[in-house]
Amino acid sequence: MQNSTREIFETNSVKHSIPLDEILSGGPPKDGIPSIDNPQFITTSEADNFLNSDSAGLGIVHEDEARFYPYQILVWHEIVNDSIAGNPILVTYCPLCATGIAFDRRVGDETREFGVSGKLWKSNLLMYDRTGNSDTESLWSQVLGEAVLGPKTGARLAVVPSDTVLYGKWKEKYPDTKVLSRKTGAIRTYGIDPYGDYYSDRSVSFGATFTDTRLHPKAFVLGVEMGGKYKAYHKDALPEGKIEDIFAEQIIRIEKNATGEITMTVNGNPLPYVGGFWFSWLAVHPDTELFK
């Protein structure tokens, strides 16, 4: 289990690493947005009935198994408690920040299960750890991948490599991919996005502010952390193929393939990154650099 580098405070015997007055209600109550806890998967031939080539989602290849999680489903659930090749995986998506991130659900020697708390920090999803009881629950920031309130404050989840990709390109490269089914146990209008034109306008809300002039607030970036420093890469500006960048006195090798998948490595080792809107990354890492 990794540990956070954030300072931990205690207020009325409650541990936290973010200001308590910055935790806001997103509207729905706890579990009002239901997580998917028994995910079902289908073939691409079945998924073709409701997905088109331009349908976006989170693509994961883990232990040689490819899976695609359509955002038209995740926008209504935000969390999937999954298992791939016997490994407990947490698949998450925050529509307000466009942050699609997968994690290993193990914290120490325990496998955890997560739900949607109904609360936000800097416009980003706060997950709650429903393993145990109400006295041991903690709130976890999705964009940080760590507990920010409660007994587990400071614990971090390991990122599982994933990427926001288009279904058509994904299934072309991974024709045997499994696709998350609409059979979720909940009744939702999948295929209709409740956020409308939010993804392209300049609005930010729920405690996030934006005054930066370098990119549109909804530009999609890939954020990395190295040695306590942060940097963002505008995904659309990265060329297809291989490039190198120097950050935190290390050489980062970046490869973008025709599918849109991006891998980053340092000294031959994978470098995890967080994909999402520029305003979201900047809100939690205000001193970040931007790749030019």
C-alpha atoms as a PDB file:
ATOM      1  CA  MET A   1       0.000   0.000   0.000  1.00  0.00           C
ATOM      2  CA  GLN A   2       1.307   3.413  -0.962  1.00  0.00           C
ATOM      3  CA  ASN A   3       1.039   6.393   1.347  1.00  0.00           C
ATOM      4  CA  SER A   4       0.086   9.962   0.549  1.00  0.00           C
ATOM      5  CA  THR A   5       2.516  12.842   0.785  1.00  0.00           C
ATOM      6  CA  ARG A   6      -0.284  15.196   1.850  1.00  0.00           C
ATOM      7  CA  GLU A   7      -0.328  16.591   5.391  1.00  0.00           C
ATOM      8  CA  ILE A   8      -2.874  14.881   7.659  1.00  0.00           C
ATOM      9  CA  PHE A   9      -4.953  16.865  10.161  1.00  0.00           C
ATOM     10  CA  GLU A  10      -7.367  15.840  12.896  1.00  0.00           C
ATOM     11  CA  THR A  11     -10.602  17.675  13.684  1.00  0.00           C
ATOM     12  CA  ASN A  12     -12.902  16.408  16.440  1.00  0.00           C
ATOM     13  CA  SER A  13     -11.014  13.089  16.330  1.00  0.00           C
ATOM     14  CA  VAL A  14     -11.584  12.771  12.556  1.00  0.00           C
ATOM     15  CA  LYS A  15      -8.528  12.498  10.319  1.00  0.00           C
ATOM     16  CA  HIS A  16      -8.528  14.405   7.035  1.00  0.00           C
ATOM     17  CA  SER A  17      -6.094  15.733   4.434  1.00  0.00           C
ATOM     18  CA  ILE A  18      -8.410  18.214   2.686  1.00  0.00           C
ATOM     19  CA  PRO A  19     -10.262  21.166   4.275  1.00  0.00           C
ATOM     20  CA  LEU A  20     -13.588  19.938   5.623  1.00  0.00           C
ATOM     21  CA  ASP A  21     -15.431  23.014   4.321  1.00  0.00           C
ATOM     22  CA  GLU A  22     -14.361  22.122   0.768  1.00  0.00           C
ATOM     23  CA  ILE A  23     -16.363  18.878   0.812  1.00  0.00           C
ATOM     24  CA  LEU A  24     -19.644  19.690  -0.952  1.00  0.00           C
ATOM     25  CA  SER A  25     -22.842  17.836  -1.749  1.00  0.00           C
ATOM     26  CA  GLY A  26     -23.178  16.937  -5.398  1.00  0.00           C
ATOM     27  CA  GLY A  27     -26.956  16.610  -5.102  1.00  0.00           C
ATOM     28  CA  PRO A  28     -27.675  12.855  -5.019  1.00  0.00           C
ATOM     29  CA  PRO A  29     -27.468  11.183  -1.594  1.00  0.00           C
ATOM     30  CA  LYS A  30     -25.073   8.410  -0.641  1.00  0.00           C
ATOM     31  CA  ASP A  31     -25.532   5.568  -3.156  1.00  0.00           C
ATOM     32  CA  GLY A  32     -28.045   7.750  -5.025  1.00  0.00           C
ATOM     33  CA  ILE A  33     -25.717   7.066  -7.948  1.00  0.00           C
ATOM     34  CA  PRO A  34     -25.473   3.265  -7.680  1.00  0.00           C
ATOM     35  CA  SER A  35     -22.136   1.567  -8.167  1.00  0.00           C
ATOM     36  CA  ILE A  36     -22.022  -1.578 -10.299  1.00  0.00           C
ATOM     37  CA  ASP A  37     -21.013  -4.402  -7.986  1.00  0.00           C
ATOM     38  CA  ASN A  38     -21.772  -7.423 -10.139  1.00  0.00           C
ATOM     39  CA  PRO A  39     -20.672  -6.323 -13.601  1.00  0.00           C
ATOM     40  CA  GLN A  40     -21.753  -8.362 -16.614  1.00  0.00           C
ATOM     41  CA  PHE A  41     -19.848  -8.407 -19.895  1.00  0.00           C
ATOM     42  CA  ILE A  42     -20.774  -9.030 -23.523  1.00  0.00           C
ATOM     43  CA  THR A  43     -19.032  -9.501 -26.869  1.00  0.00           C
ATOM     44  CA  THR A  44     -18.439  -6.735 -29.392  1.00  0.00           C
ATOM     45  CA  SER A  45     -21.111  -8.169 -31.684  1.00  0.00           C
ATOM     46  CA  GLU A  46     -23.633  -7.646 -28.874  1.00  0.00           C
ATOM     47  CA  ALA A  47     -22.218  -4.248 -27.911  1.00  0.00           C
ATOM     48  CA  ASP A  48     -22.493  -3.054 -31.520  1.00  0.00           C
ATOM     49  CA  ASN A  49     -26.250  -2.841 -30.937  1.00  0.00           C
ATOM     50  CA  PHE A  50     -25.820   0.226 -28.725  1.00  0.00           C
ATOM     51  CA  LEU A  51     -22.269   1.497 -29.293  1.00  0.00           C
ATOM     52  CA  ASN A  52     -20.925   3.226 -32.381  1.00  0.00           C
ATOM     53  CA  SER A  53     -17.335   3.767 -33.421  1.00  0.00           C
ATOM     54  CA  ASP A  54     -17.187   7.181 -31.738  1.00  0.00           C
ATOM     55  CA  SER A  55     -18.526   5.978 -28.381  1.00  0.00           C
ATOM     56  CA  ALA A  56     -15.962   6.835 -25.705  1.00  0.00           C
ATOM     57  CA  GLY A  57     -15.052   4.666 -22.781  1.00  0.00           C
ATOM     58  CA  LEU A  58     -12.281   3.383 -20.581  1.00  0.00           C
ATOM     59  CA  GLY A  59     -10.137   0.669 -22.126  1.00  0.00           C
ATOM     60  CA  ILE A  60      -8.123  -1.685 -19.930  1.00  0.00           C
ATOM     61  CA  VAL A  61      -5.742  -4.515 -20.760  1.00  0.00           C
ATOM     62  CA  HIS A  62      -4.890  -6.370 -17.572  1.00  0.00           C
ATOM     63  CA  GLU A  63      -3.164  -9.755 -17.436  1.00  0.00           C
ATOM     64  CA  ASP A  64      -3.695 -10.019 -21.223  1.00  0.00           C
ATOM     65  CA  GLU A  65      -7.465  -9.534 -20.873  1.00  0.00           C
ATOM     66  CA  ALA A  66      -9.018  -6.548 -22.667  1.00  0.00           C
ATOM     67  CA  ARG A  67     -12.129  -4.818 -21.375  1.00  0.00           C
ATOM     68  CA  PHE A  68     -14.069  -1.757 -22.493  1.00  0.00           C
ATOM     69  CA  TYR A  69     -16.265   0.248 -20.112  1.00  0.00           C
ATOM     70  CA  PRO A  70     -18.570   2.588 -22.081  1.00  0.00           C
ATOM     71  CA  TYR A  71     -18.916   6.063 -20.610  1.00  0.00           C
ATOM     72  CA  GLN A  72     -22.609   6.027 -21.593  1.00  0.00           C
ATOM     73  CA  ILE A  73     -22.971   3.455 -18.793  1.00  0.00           C
ATOM     74  CA  LEU A  74     -20.388   4.813 -16.366  1.00  0.00           C
ATOM     75  CA  VAL A  75     -21.939   8.302 -16.477  1.00  0.00           C
ATOM     76  CA  TRP A  76     -24.903   6.824 -14.569  1.00  0.00           C
ATOM     77  CA  HIS A  77     -22.862   4.736 -12.095  1.00  0.00           C
ATOM     78  CA  GLU A  78     -19.339   6.225 -11.756  1.00  0.00           C
ATOM     79  CA  ILE A  79     -17.942   3.149  -9.980  1.00  0.00           C
ATOM     80  CA  VAL A  80     -17.545  -0.503 -10.981  1.00  0.00           C
ATOM     81  CA  ASN A  81     -16.270  -2.950  -8.376  1.00  0.00           C
ATOM     82  CA  ASP A  82     -14.775  -5.488 -10.755  1.00  0.00           C
ATOM     83  CA  SER A  83     -12.308  -8.368 -10.907  1.00  0.00           C
ATOM     84  CA  ILE A  84     -10.008  -9.107 -13.838  1.00  0.00           C
ATOM     85  CA  ALA A  85      -7.986 -12.319 -14.002  1.00  0.00           C
ATOM     86  CA  GLY A  86      -8.677 -12.815 -10.310  1.00  0.00           C
ATOM     87  CA  ASN A  87      -7.426  -9.356  -9.358  1.00  0.00           C
ATOM     88  CA  PRO A  88      -9.849  -6.915  -7.669  1.00  0.00           C
ATOM     89  CA  ILE A  89     -10.127  -3.830  -9.869  1.00  0.00           C
ATOM     90  CA  LEU A  90     -11.916  -0.546  -9.236  1.00  0.00           C
ATOM     91  CA  VAL A  91     -13.102   1.206 -12.410  1.00  0.00           C
ATOM     92  CA  THR A  92     -14.109   4.838 -11.841  1.00  0.00           C
ATOM     93  CA  TYR A  93     -15.416   7.760 -13.879  1.00  0.00           C
ATOM     94  CA  CYS A  94     -16.259  11.282 -12.742  1.00  0.00           C
ATOM     95  CA  PRO A  95     -18.350  12.983 -15.455  1.00  0.00           C
ATOM     96  CA  LEU A  96     -17.739  16.475 -14.048  1.00  0.00           C
ATOM     97  CA  CYS A  97     -13.973  16.044 -14.457  1.00  0.00           C
ATOM     98  CA  ALA A  98     -13.862  13.431 -17.277  1.00  0.00           C
ATOM     99  CA  THR A  99     -11.488  11.455 -15.074  1.00  0.00           C
ATOM    100  CA  GLY A 100     -11.625   7.774 -15.958  1.00  0.00           C
ATOM    101  CA  ILE A 101      -9.215   5.900 -13.682  1.00  0.00           C
ATOM    102  CA  ALA A 102      -8.777   2.249 -12.728  1.00  0.00           C
ATOM    103  CA  PHE A 103      -7.242   1.129  -9.447  1.00  0.00           C
ATOM    104  CA  ASP A 104      -6.307  -2.021  -7.594  1.00  0.00           C
ATOM    105  CA  ARG A 105      -8.966  -2.417  -4.866  1.00  0.00           C
ATOM    106  CA  ARG A 106      -6.543  -3.913  -2.387  1.00  0.00           C
ATOM    107  CA  VAL A 107      -5.500  -1.773   0.571  1.00  0.00           C
ATOM    108  CA  GLY A 108      -2.815  -3.612   2.468  1.00  0.00           C
ATOM    109  CA  ASP A 109      -4.009  -7.196   2.781  1.00  0.00           C
ATOM    110  CA  GLU A 110      -7.701  -6.269   2.458  1.00  0.00           C
ATOM    111  CA  THR A 111      -9.849  -6.057  -0.661  1.00  0.00           C
ATOM    112  CA  ARG A 112     -12.136  -3.053  -0.431  1.00  0.00           C
ATOM    113  CA  GLU A 113     -15.490  -2.250  -2.035  1.00  0.00           C
ATOM    114  CA  PHE A 114     -16.373   1.329  -2.973  1.00  0.00           C
ATOM    115  CA  GLY A 115     -19.561   3.325  -3.460  1.00  0.00           C
ATOM    116  CA  VAL A 116     -20.547   6.825  -4.576  1.00  0.00           C
ATOM    117  CA  SER A 117     -20.754   9.089  -1.523  1.00  0.00           C
ATOM    118  CA  GLY A 118     -22.787  11.861  -3.177  1.00  0.00           C
ATOM    119  CA  LYS A 119     -20.086  14.336  -2.142  1.00  0.00           C
ATOM    120  CA  LEU A 120     -17.498  16.183  -4.198  1.00  0.00           C
ATOM    121  CA  TRP A 121     -14.150  17.858  -3.659  1.00  0.00           C
ATOM    122  CA  LYS A 122     -12.982  20.365  -6.269  1.00  0.00           C
ATOM    123  CA  SER A 123     -15.841  19.089  -8.470  1.00  0.00           C
ATOM    124  CA  ASN A 124     -14.402  15.576  -8.295  1.00  0.00           C
ATOM    125  CA  LEU A 125     -15.969  12.332  -7.151  1.00  0.00           C
ATOM    126  CA  LEU A 126     -15.496  11.365  -3.534  1.00  0.00           C
ATOM    127  CA  MET A 127     -15.872   7.618  -3.174  1.00  0.00           C
ATOM    128  CA  TYR A 128     -16.628   5.949   0.119  1.00  0.00           C
ATOM    129  CA  ASP A 129     -15.176   2.707   1.365  1.00  0.00           C
ATOM    130  CA  ARG A 130     -18.150   0.563   2.325  1.00  0.00           C
ATOM    131  CA  THR A 131     -16.008  -2.297   3.627  1.00  0.00           C
ATOM    132  CA  GLY A 132     -16.662  -2.556   7.347  1.00  0.00           C
ATOM    133  CA  ASN A 133     -19.127  -0.274   9.130  1.00  0.00           C
ATOM    134  CA  SER A 134     -19.995   3.413   9.350  1.00  0.00           C
ATOM    135  CA  ASP A 135     -17.295   3.949  11.975  1.00  0.00           C
ATOM    136  CA  THR A 136     -14.552   2.708   9.659  1.00  0.00           C
ATOM    137  CA  GLU A 137     -15.745   4.309   6.410  1.00  0.00           C
ATOM    138  CA  SER A 138     -13.371   6.709   4.697  1.00  0.00           C
ATOM    139  CA  LEU A 139     -13.863   9.114   1.805  1.00  0.00           C
ATOM    140  CA  TRP A 140     -11.472   8.706  -1.116  1.00  0.00           C
ATOM    141  CA  SER A 141     -10.670  11.320  -3.753  1.00  0.00           C
ATOM    142  CA  GLN A 142     -10.886   9.743  -7.189  1.00  0.00           C
ATOM    143  CA  VAL A 143      -8.470  12.168  -8.860  1.00  0.00           C
ATOM    144  CA  LEU A 144      -5.894  11.679  -6.085  1.00  0.00           C
ATOM    145  CA  GLY A 145      -6.566   7.959  -5.680  1.00  0.00           C
ATOM    146  CA  GLU A 146      -6.276   8.269  -1.931  1.00  0.00           C
ATOM    147  CA  ALA A 147      -8.322   8.482   1.256  1.00  0.00           C
ATOM    148  CA  VAL A 148      -8.837  12.095   2.338  1.00  0.00           C
ATOM    149  CA  LEU A 149     -11.254  11.745   5.257  1.00  0.00           C
ATOM    150  CA  GLY A 150     -11.674   9.076   7.917  1.00  0.00           C
ATOM    151  CA  PRO A 151      -9.567   6.272   9.419  1.00  0.00           C
ATOM    152  CA  LYS A 152      -7.802   5.388   6.159  1.00  0.00           C
ATOM    153  CA  THR A 153      -6.714   8.980   5.436  1.00  0.00           C
ATOM    154  CA  GLY A 154      -3.338   8.938   3.713  1.00  0.00           C
ATOM    155  CA  ALA A 155      -3.701   5.476   2.168  1.00  0.00           C
ATOM    156  CA  ARG A 156      -3.378   5.348  -1.619  1.00  0.00           C
ATOM    157  CA  LEU A 157      -4.671   2.985  -4.258  1.00  0.00           C
ATOM    158  CA  ALA A 158      -2.327   1.648  -6.932  1.00  0.00           C
ATOM    159  CA  VAL A 159      -3.319   2.826 -10.416  1.00  0.00           C
ATOM    160  CA  VAL A 160      -4.079   0.150 -13.001  1.00  0.00           C
ATOM    161  CA  PRO A 161      -3.117   1.291 -16.537  1.00  0.00           C
ATOM    162  CA  SER A 162      -6.122   2.346 -18.616  1.00  0.00           C
ATOM    163  CA  ASP A 163      -6.994   4.916 -21.244  1.00  0.00           C
ATOM    164  CA  THR A 164      -9.946   6.918 -22.513  1.00  0.00           C
ATOM    165  CA  VAL A 165     -10.447   5.609 -26.039  1.00  0.00           C
ATOM    166  CA  LEU A 166     -13.053   5.312 -28.795  1.00  0.00           C
ATOM    167  CA  TYR A 167     -14.896   2.022 -29.071  1.00  0.00           C
ATOM    168  CA  GLY A 168     -14.284   1.593 -32.813  1.00  0.00           C
ATOM    169  CA  LYS A 169     -10.533   1.882 -32.521  1.00  0.00           C
ATOM    170  CA  TRP A 170     -10.450  -0.233 -29.364  1.00  0.00           C
ATOM    171  CA  LYS A 171     -12.342  -3.184 -30.836  1.00  0.00           C
ATOM    172  CA  GLU A 172     -10.254  -2.994 -34.004  1.00  0.00           C
ATOM    173  CA  LYS A 173      -7.122  -3.589 -31.960  1.00  0.00           C
ATOM    174  CA  TYR A 174      -8.786  -5.904 -29.422  1.00  0.00           C
ATOM    175  CA  PRO A 175     -11.536  -7.779 -31.318  1.00  0.00           C
ATOM    176  CA  ASP A 176     -11.991 -10.211 -28.419  1.00  0.00           C
ATOM    177  CA  THR A 177     -12.450  -7.448 -25.862  1.00  0.00           C
ATOM    178  CA  LYS A 178     -15.193  -7.828 -23.293  1.00  0.00           C
ATOM    179  CA  VAL A 179     -17.626  -4.905 -23.050  1.00  0.00           C
ATOM    180  CA  LEU A 180     -19.511  -3.837 -19.933  1.00  0.00           C
ATOM    181  CA  SER A 181     -23.182  -4.741 -20.350  1.00  0.00           C
ATOM    182  CA  ARG A 182     -26.170  -2.472 -19.819  1.00  0.00           C
ATOM    183  CA  LYS A 183     -27.551  -5.187 -17.551  1.00  0.00           C
ATOM    184  CA  THR A 184     -26.518  -3.401 -14.386  1.00  0.00           C
ATOM    185  CA  GLY A 185     -29.466  -4.123 -12.136  1.00  0.00           C
ATOM    186  CA  ALA A 186     -30.542  -0.464 -12.376  1.00  0.00           C
ATOM    187  CA  ILE A 187     -32.982   1.265 -14.707  1.00  0.00           C
ATOM    188  CA  ARG A 188     -31.258   4.143 -16.472  1.00  0.00           C
ATOM    189  CA  THR A 189     -31.603   5.857 -19.856  1.00  0.00           C
ATOM    190  CA  TYR A 190     -28.284   4.614 -21.186  1.00  0.00           C
ATOM    191  CA  GLY A 191     -27.298   6.452 -24.344  1.00  0.00           C
ATOM    192  CA  ILE A 192     -28.680   9.780 -23.083  1.00  0.00           C
ATOM    193  CA  ASP A 193     -26.095  11.911 -21.323  1.00  0.00           C
ATOM    194  CA  PRO A 194     -27.542  13.980 -18.459  1.00  0.00           C
ATOM    195  CA  TYR A 195     -24.679  16.489 -18.653  1.00  0.00           C
ATOM    196  CA  GLY A 196     -25.576  17.913 -22.084  1.00  0.00           C
ATOM    197  CA  ASP A 197     -23.049  20.417 -23.435  1.00  0.00           C
ATOM    198  CA  TYR A 198     -21.152  20.610 -20.110  1.00  0.00           C
ATOM    199  CA  TYR A 199     -18.170  18.800 -21.653  1.00  0.00           C
ATOM    200  CA  SER A 200     -17.446  21.607 -24.111  1.00  0.00           C
ATOM    201  CA  ASP A 201     -18.470  24.808 -22.301  1.00  0.00           C
ATOM    202  CA  ARG A 202     -16.167  26.710 -19.943  1.00  0.00           C
ATOM    203  CA  SER A 203     -18.190  26.242 -16.769  1.00  0.00           C
ATOM    204  CA  VAL A 204     -16.682  24.715 -13.629  1.00  0.00           C
ATOM    205  CA  SER A 205     -18.477  24.262 -10.322  1.00  0.00           C
ATOM    206  CA  PHE A 206     -18.700  22.489  -6.955  1.00  0.00           C
ATOM    207  CA  GLY A 207     -15.717  24.236  -5.416  1.00  0.00           C
ATOM    208  CA  ALA A 208     -13.488  24.322  -8.491  1.00  0.00           C
ATOM    209  CA  THR A 209     -12.357  27.625 -10.003  1.00  0.00           C
ATOM    210  CA  PHE A 210     -10.468  28.355 -13.207  1.00  0.00           C
ATOM    211  CA  THR A 211      -8.463  31.391 -14.315  1.00  0.00           C
ATOM    212  CA  ASP A 212      -5.693  29.682 -16.308  1.00  0.00           C
ATOM    213  CA  THR A 213      -5.152  30.844 -19.901  1.00  0.00           C
ATOM    214  CA  ARG A 214      -2.936  28.052 -21.251  1.00  0.00           C
ATOM    215  CA  LEU A 215      -5.712  25.605 -22.214  1.00  0.00           C
ATOM    216  CA  HIS A 216      -9.486  25.424 -22.340  1.00  0.00           C
ATOM    217  CA  PRO A 217     -10.731  24.248 -18.916  1.00  0.00           C
ATOM    218  CA  LYS A 218     -12.196  21.102 -20.528  1.00  0.00           C
ATOM    219  CA  ALA A 219      -9.050  20.242 -22.527  1.00  0.00           C
ATOM    220  CA  PHE A 220      -8.179  16.590 -21.867  1.00  0.00           C
ATOM    221  CA  VAL A 221      -4.790  16.150 -20.218  1.00  0.00           C
ATOM    222  CA  LEU A 222      -2.729  13.325 -18.784  1.00  0.00           C
ATOM    223  CA  GLY A 223      -1.300  14.193 -15.380  1.00  0.00           C
ATOM    224  CA  VAL A 224       1.753  12.572 -13.794  1.00  0.00           C
ATOM    225  CA  GLU A 225       3.488  12.814 -10.449  1.00  0.00           C
ATOM    226  CA  MET A 226       7.217  12.313  -9.945  1.00  0.00           C
ATOM    227  CA  GLY A 227       9.185  13.110  -6.806  1.00  0.00           C
ATOM    228  CA  GLY A 228       6.440  15.345  -5.451  1.00  0.00           C
ATOM    229  CA  LYS A 229       6.258  17.326  -8.697  1.00  0.00           C
ATOM    230  CA  TYR A 230       3.404  17.364 -11.205  1.00  0.00           C
ATOM    231  CA  LYS A 231       3.103  17.731 -14.951  1.00  0.00           C
ATOM    232  CA  ALA A 232       0.268  17.577 -17.471  1.00  0.00           C
ATOM    233  CA  TYR A 233       0.294  16.549 -21.137  1.00  0.00           C
ATOM    234  CA  HIS A 234      -2.454  17.739 -23.481  1.00  0.00           C
ATOM    235  CA  LYS A 235      -3.526  14.446 -25.055  1.00  0.00           C
ATOM    236  CA  ASP A 236      -4.616  15.886 -28.398  1.00  0.00           C
ATOM    237  CA  ALA A 237      -1.289  17.684 -28.740  1.00  0.00           C
ATOM    238  CA  LEU A 238       0.753  14.500 -28.338  1.00  0.00           C
ATOM    239  CA  PRO A 239       1.782  13.176 -31.755  1.00  0.00           C
ATOM    240  CA  GLU A 240       1.236   9.579 -32.771  1.00  0.00           C
ATOM    241  CA  GLY A 241       4.429   7.594 -32.306  1.00  0.00           C
ATOM    242  CA  LYS A 242       7.231   7.956 -29.765  1.00  0.00           C
ATOM    243  CA  ILE A 243       8.615  11.068 -28.095  1.00  0.00           C
ATOM    244  CA  GLU A 244      10.718  11.846 -25.025  1.00  0.00           C
ATOM    245  CA  ASP A 245      10.378  14.470 -22.323  1.00  0.00           C
ATOM    246  CA  ILE A 246      12.576  15.399 -19.373  1.00  0.00           C
ATOM    247  CA  PHE A 247      10.766  15.962 -16.085  1.00  0.00           C
ATOM    248  CA  ALA A 248      11.988  15.825 -12.488  1.00  0.00           C
ATOM    249  CA  GLU A 249      15.454  15.006 -13.847  1.00  0.00           C
ATOM    250  CA  GLN A 250      14.113  11.848 -15.484  1.00  0.00           C
ATOM    251  CA  ILE A 251      13.520  10.909 -19.112  1.00  0.00           C
ATOM    252  CA  ILE A 252       9.877  10.064 -19.782  1.00  0.00           C
ATOM    253  CA  ARG A 253       9.260   8.005 -22.904  1.00  0.00           C
ATOM    254  CA  ILE A 254       5.784   8.510 -24.332  1.00  0.00           C
ATOM    255  CA  GLU A 255       4.173   6.380 -27.022  1.00  0.00           C
ATOM    256  CA  LYS A 256       0.779   7.055 -28.613  1.00  0.00           C
ATOM    257  CA  ASN A 257      -0.608   4.385 -30.920  1.00  0.00           C
ATOM    258  CA  ALA A 258      -3.278   4.568 -33.609  1.00  0.00           C
ATOM    259  CA  THR A 259      -5.937   3.489 -31.114  1.00  0.00           C
ATOM    260  CA  GLY A 260      -5.213   6.551 -28.986  1.00  0.00           C
ATOM    261  CA  GLU A 261      -3.704   4.499 -26.179  1.00  0.00           C
ATOM    262  CA  ILE A 262      -0.768   6.186 -24.502  1.00  0.00           C
ATOM    263  CA  THR A 263       1.991   4.557 -22.507  1.00  0.00           C
ATOM    264  CA  MET A 264       4.546   6.398 -20.426  1.00  0.00           C
ATOM    265  CA  THR A 265       7.676   4.806 -19.051  1.00  0.00           C
ATOM    266  CA  VAL A 266      10.656   5.876 -16.960  1.00  0.00           C
ATOM    267  CA  ASN A 267      13.751   3.671 -16.999  1.00  0.00           C
ATOM    268  CA  GLY A 268      11.670   0.962 -18.632  1.00  0.00           C
ATOM    269  CA  ASN A 269       9.034   1.030 -15.881  1.00  0.00           C
ATOM    270  CA  PRO A 270       5.403   2.105 -16.461  1.00  0.00           C
ATOM    271  CA  LEU A 271       4.586   5.632 -15.302  1.00  0.00           C
ATOM    272  CA  PRO A 272       0.949   5.842 -14.119  1.00  0.00           C
ATOM    273  CA  TYR A 273      -1.031   8.885 -15.211  1.00  0.00           C
ATOM    274  CA  VAL A 274      -4.463  10.389 -14.630  1.00  0.00           C
ATOM    275  CA  GLY A 275      -6.515  11.472 -17.623  1.00  0.00           C
ATOM    276  CA  GLY A 276      -9.143  14.184 -17.231  1.00  0.00           C
ATOM    277  CA  PHE A 277     -10.109  17.807 -17.744  1.00  0.00           C
ATOM    278  CA  TRP A 278      -7.355  20.393 -17.375  1.00  0.00           C
ATOM    279  CA  PHE A 279      -9.291  22.376 -14.752  1.00  0.00           C
ATOM    280  CA  SER A 280      -9.620  19.277 -12.566  1.00  0.00           C
ATOM    281  CA  TRP A 281      -5.922  18.413 -12.597  1.00  0.00           C
ATOM    282  CA  LEU A 282      -5.026  22.056 -11.991  1.00  0.00           C
ATOM    283  CA  ALA A 283      -7.506  22.332  -9.091  1.00  0.00           C
ATOM    284  CA  VAL A 284      -5.729  19.664  -7.046  1.00  0.00           C
ATOM    285  CA  HIS A 285      -2.205  20.309  -8.358  1.00  0.00           C
ATOM    286  CA  PRO A 286      -2.019  24.108  -8.807  1.00  0.00           C
ATOM    287  CA  ASP A 287       1.771  24.101  -9.257  1.00  0.00           C
ATOM    288  CA  THR A 288       1.704  21.641 -12.158  1.00  0.00           C
ATOM    289  CA  GLU A 289       3.820  22.127 -15.243  1.00  0.00           C
ATOM    290  CA  LEU A 290       2.296  21.839 -18.729  1.00  0.00           C
ATOM    291  CA  PHE A 291       4.140  20.035 -21.527  1.00  0.00           C
ATOM    292  CA  LYS A 292       4.711  22.219 -24.576  1.00  0.00           C
END
